[in-house]
Amino acid sequence: MKAQYIEEASKVIPDTHVLINMVSRRVRQLNAGSRPLIDAGVSVGLADVALLEIAQGKIVLSELLVDAA
């Protein structure tokens, strides 16, 4: 994970524990076949994709909680 992406996502989700959980859930979704909501390119890891999606406001906690239920 790039520190820059973590910083950007932390501005949107300042609670580190919540941010970690959001990234983990989103990475699981991406591994299960969900399409990325951003065009990050081939060389970007799934955790970085999740962080960028959060930083850009494409993912919110309530969406991840609904998918987990």
C-alpha atoms as a PDB file:
ATOM      1  CA  MET A   1       0.000   0.000   0.000  1.00  0.00           C
ATOM      2  CA  LYS A   2       1.260   3.423  -0.862  1.00  0.00           C
ATOM      3  CA  ALA A   3       1.498   5.899   2.009  1.00  0.00           C
ATOM      4  CA  GLN A   4       0.028   8.608  -0.221  1.00  0.00           C
ATOM      5  CA  TYR A   5      -3.147   6.572  -0.747  1.00  0.00           C
ATOM      6  CA  ILE A   6      -3.460   5.912   2.982  1.00  0.00           C
ATOM      7  CA  GLU A   7      -3.124   9.641   3.661  1.00  0.00           C
ATOM      8  CA  GLU A   8      -5.790  10.510   1.103  1.00  0.00           C
ATOM      9  CA  ALA A   9      -8.225   7.907   2.443  1.00  0.00           C
ATOM     10  CA  SER A  10      -7.528   9.022   6.039  1.00  0.00           C
ATOM     11  CA  LYS A  11      -8.852  12.465   5.163  1.00  0.00           C
ATOM     12  CA  VAL A  12     -12.202  10.854   4.315  1.00  0.00           C
ATOM     13  CA  ILE A  13     -12.188   8.207   7.092  1.00  0.00           C
ATOM     14  CA  PRO A  14     -10.061   9.571   9.954  1.00  0.00           C
ATOM     15  CA  ASP A  15     -10.613   6.568  12.266  1.00  0.00           C
ATOM     16  CA  THR A  16      -7.789   4.143  11.445  1.00  0.00           C
ATOM     17  CA  HIS A  17      -9.676   1.079  12.680  1.00  0.00           C
ATOM     18  CA  VAL A  18     -12.689   1.861  10.507  1.00  0.00           C
ATOM     19  CA  LEU A  19     -10.459   2.568   7.511  1.00  0.00           C
ATOM     20  CA  ILE A  20      -8.644  -0.762   7.909  1.00  0.00           C
ATOM     21  CA  ASN A  21     -11.945  -2.626   8.128  1.00  0.00           C
ATOM     22  CA  MET A  22     -13.296  -0.842   5.061  1.00  0.00           C
ATOM     23  CA  VAL A  23     -10.189  -1.640   3.031  1.00  0.00           C
ATOM     24  CA  SER A  24     -10.287  -5.284   4.154  1.00  0.00           C
ATOM     25  CA  ARG A  25     -13.934  -5.700   3.208  1.00  0.00           C
ATOM     26  CA  ARG A  26     -13.433  -4.026  -0.150  1.00  0.00           C
ATOM     27  CA  VAL A  27     -10.379  -6.158  -0.954  1.00  0.00           C
ATOM     28  CA  ARG A  28     -12.465  -9.268  -0.197  1.00  0.00           C
ATOM     29  CA  GLN A  29     -15.145  -8.007  -2.589  1.00  0.00           C
ATOM     30  CA  LEU A  30     -12.568  -7.342  -5.303  1.00  0.00           C
ATOM     31  CA  ASN A  31     -11.032 -10.795  -4.805  1.00  0.00           C
ATOM     32  CA  ALA A  32     -14.506 -12.302  -5.139  1.00  0.00           C
ATOM     33  CA  GLY A  33     -14.940 -10.678  -8.552  1.00  0.00           C
ATOM     34  CA  SER A  34     -16.393  -7.220  -7.914  1.00  0.00           C
ATOM     35  CA  ARG A  35     -15.292  -4.662 -10.458  1.00  0.00           C
ATOM     36  CA  PRO A  36     -13.157  -1.727  -9.313  1.00  0.00           C
ATOM     37  CA  LEU A  37     -15.021   1.583  -9.241  1.00  0.00           C
ATOM     38  CA  ILE A  38     -11.949   3.450 -10.480  1.00  0.00           C
ATOM     39  CA  ASP A  39      -9.552   3.016 -13.369  1.00  0.00           C
ATOM     40  CA  ALA A  40      -6.350   2.354 -11.443  1.00  0.00           C
ATOM     41  CA  GLY A  41      -4.394   0.396 -14.009  1.00  0.00           C
ATOM     42  CA  VAL A  42      -2.976  -3.102 -13.958  1.00  0.00           C
ATOM     43  CA  SER A  43      -0.015  -2.589 -11.624  1.00  0.00           C
ATOM     44  CA  VAL A  44      -2.060  -1.225  -8.694  1.00  0.00           C
ATOM     45  CA  GLY A  45      -2.749  -3.685  -5.875  1.00  0.00           C
ATOM     46  CA  LEU A  46      -6.238  -4.382  -4.583  1.00  0.00           C
ATOM     47  CA  ALA A  47      -5.608  -2.614  -1.264  1.00  0.00           C
ATOM     48  CA  ASP A  48      -4.492   0.484  -3.159  1.00  0.00           C
ATOM     49  CA  VAL A  49      -7.606   0.281  -5.339  1.00  0.00           C
ATOM     50  CA  ALA A  50      -9.749   0.127  -2.193  1.00  0.00           C
ATOM     51  CA  LEU A  51      -7.919   3.097  -0.653  1.00  0.00           C
ATOM     52  CA  LEU A  52      -8.336   5.165  -3.812  1.00  0.00           C
ATOM     53  CA  GLU A  53     -12.027   4.288  -4.019  1.00  0.00           C
ATOM     54  CA  ILE A  54     -12.482   5.446  -0.420  1.00  0.00           C
ATOM     55  CA  ALA A  55     -10.444   8.621  -0.983  1.00  0.00           C
ATOM     56  CA  GLN A  56     -12.533   9.483  -4.049  1.00  0.00           C
ATOM     57  CA  GLY A  57     -15.802   8.884  -2.212  1.00  0.00           C
ATOM     58  CA  LYS A  58     -16.757   5.900  -4.373  1.00  0.00           C
ATOM     59  CA  ILE A  59     -17.098   3.617  -1.319  1.00  0.00           C
ATOM     60  CA  VAL A  60     -18.875   4.448   1.922  1.00  0.00           C
ATOM     61  CA  LEU A  61     -19.107   2.347   5.060  1.00  0.00           C
ATOM     62  CA  SER A  62     -22.853   1.758   4.827  1.00  0.00           C
ATOM     63  CA  GLU A  63     -22.438   0.115   1.389  1.00  0.00           C
ATOM     64  CA  LEU A  64     -19.851  -2.300   2.720  1.00  0.00           C
ATOM     65  CA  LEU A  65     -21.998  -3.203   5.717  1.00  0.00           C
ATOM     66  CA  VAL A  66     -24.972  -4.021   3.483  1.00  0.00           C
ATOM     67  CA  ASP A  67     -22.820  -6.283   1.305  1.00  0.00           C
ATOM     68  CA  ALA A  68     -21.453  -8.084   4.374  1.00  0.00           C
ATOM     69  CA  ALA A  69     -24.921  -8.962   5.689  1.00  0.00           C
END
